């Protein structure tokens, strides 16, 4: 993996962590159960994407 590619993966990891954190924070503030479940699924998806990127390292 080149240095530039490694920087891209590092940047992507940071973005996925941010998205996951924001989804969790938002889900904790939502009252509607259906909408809350949807946002929690989004957080889970971002966690999976993070794990995929992390696996490249």
C-alpha atoms as a PDB file:
ATOM      1  CA  UNK A   1       0.000   0.000   0.000  1.00  0.00           C
ATOM      2  CA  UNK A   2       1.419   3.379  -0.951  1.00  0.00           C
ATOM      3  CA  UNK A   3       1.719   6.258   1.482  1.00  0.00           C
ATOM      4  CA  UNK A   4      -1.056   8.113  -0.332  1.00  0.00           C
ATOM      5  CA  UNK A   5      -3.374   5.111  -0.149  1.00  0.00           C
ATOM      6  CA  UNK A   6      -2.606   4.723   3.535  1.00  0.00           C
ATOM      7  CA  UNK A   7      -3.522   8.370   4.110  1.00  0.00           C
ATOM      8  CA  UNK A   8      -6.807   7.791   2.285  1.00  0.00           C
ATOM      9  CA  UNK A   9      -7.644   4.809   4.491  1.00  0.00           C
ATOM     10  CA  UNK A  10      -6.718   6.805   7.604  1.00  0.00           C
ATOM     11  CA  UNK A  11      -8.983   9.644   6.484  1.00  0.00           C
ATOM     12  CA  UNK A  12     -11.813   7.225   5.725  1.00  0.00           C
ATOM     13  CA  UNK A  13     -11.454   5.665   9.186  1.00  0.00           C
ATOM     14  CA  UNK A  14     -11.812   9.077  10.782  1.00  0.00           C
ATOM     15  CA  UNK A  15     -14.911   9.864   8.746  1.00  0.00           C
ATOM     16  CA  UNK A  16     -16.552   6.557   9.611  1.00  0.00           C
ATOM     17  CA  UNK A  17     -15.845   7.054  13.315  1.00  0.00           C
ATOM     18  CA  UNK A  18     -17.382  10.522  13.097  1.00  0.00           C
ATOM     19  CA  UNK A  19     -20.501   9.264  11.286  1.00  0.00           C
ATOM     20  CA  UNK A  20     -20.917   6.426  13.753  1.00  0.00           C
ATOM     21  CA  UNK A  21     -20.621   8.789  16.735  1.00  0.00           C
ATOM     22  CA  UNK A  22     -23.099  11.266  15.270  1.00  0.00           C
ATOM     23  CA  UNK A  23     -25.602   8.516  14.479  1.00  0.00           C
ATOM     24  CA  UNK A  24     -25.406   7.198  18.042  1.00  0.00           C
ATOM     25  CA  UNK A  25     -25.795  10.683  19.516  1.00  0.00           C
ATOM     26  CA  UNK A  26     -28.774  11.358  17.263  1.00  0.00           C
ATOM     27  CA  UNK A  27     -30.402   7.997  18.025  1.00  0.00           C
ATOM     28  CA  UNK A  28     -30.207   8.747  21.736  1.00  0.00           C
ATOM     29  CA  UNK A  29     -32.226  11.921  21.192  1.00  0.00           C
ATOM     30  CA  UNK A  30     -34.973  10.434  19.006  1.00  0.00           C
ATOM     31  CA  UNK A  31     -38.314   9.553  20.580  1.00  0.00           C
ATOM     32  CA  UNK A  32     -39.908   7.778  17.596  1.00  0.00           C
ATOM     33  CA  UNK A  33     -39.005   4.080  17.847  1.00  0.00           C
ATOM     34  CA  UNK A  34     -39.025   3.415  14.099  1.00  0.00           C
ATOM     35  CA  UNK A  35     -36.838   6.393  13.279  1.00  0.00           C
ATOM     36  CA  UNK A  36     -34.525   5.581  16.185  1.00  0.00           C
ATOM     37  CA  UNK A  37     -34.084   2.028  14.881  1.00  0.00           C
ATOM     38  CA  UNK A  38     -33.249   3.380  11.423  1.00  0.00           C
ATOM     39  CA  UNK A  39     -30.558   5.701  12.787  1.00  0.00           C
ATOM     40  CA  UNK A  40     -29.164   2.890  14.954  1.00  0.00           C
ATOM     41  CA  UNK A  41     -28.902   0.743  11.811  1.00  0.00           C
ATOM     42  CA  UNK A  42     -26.982   3.549  10.150  1.00  0.00           C
ATOM     43  CA  UNK A  43     -24.559   3.627  13.102  1.00  0.00           C
ATOM     44  CA  UNK A  44     -24.105  -0.122  12.799  1.00  0.00           C
ATOM     45  CA  UNK A  45     -23.436   0.172   9.069  1.00  0.00           C
ATOM     46  CA  UNK A  46     -20.774   2.821   9.678  1.00  0.00           C
ATOM     47  CA  UNK A  47     -19.186   0.529  12.270  1.00  0.00           C
ATOM     48  CA  UNK A  48     -19.050  -2.262   9.681  1.00  0.00           C
ATOM     49  CA  UNK A  49     -17.511   0.077   7.110  1.00  0.00           C
ATOM     50  CA  UNK A  50     -14.955   1.187   9.704  1.00  0.00           C
ATOM     51  CA  UNK A  51     -14.051  -2.444  10.387  1.00  0.00           C
ATOM     52  CA  UNK A  52     -13.651  -3.096   6.659  1.00  0.00           C
ATOM     53  CA  UNK A  53     -11.293  -0.145   6.241  1.00  0.00           C
ATOM     54  CA  UNK A  54      -9.416  -1.103   9.405  1.00  0.00           C
ATOM     55  CA  UNK A  55      -9.000  -4.605   8.018  1.00  0.00           C
ATOM     56  CA  UNK A  56      -7.009  -3.155   5.131  1.00  0.00           C
ATOM     57  CA  UNK A  57      -4.312  -2.144   7.574  1.00  0.00           C
END
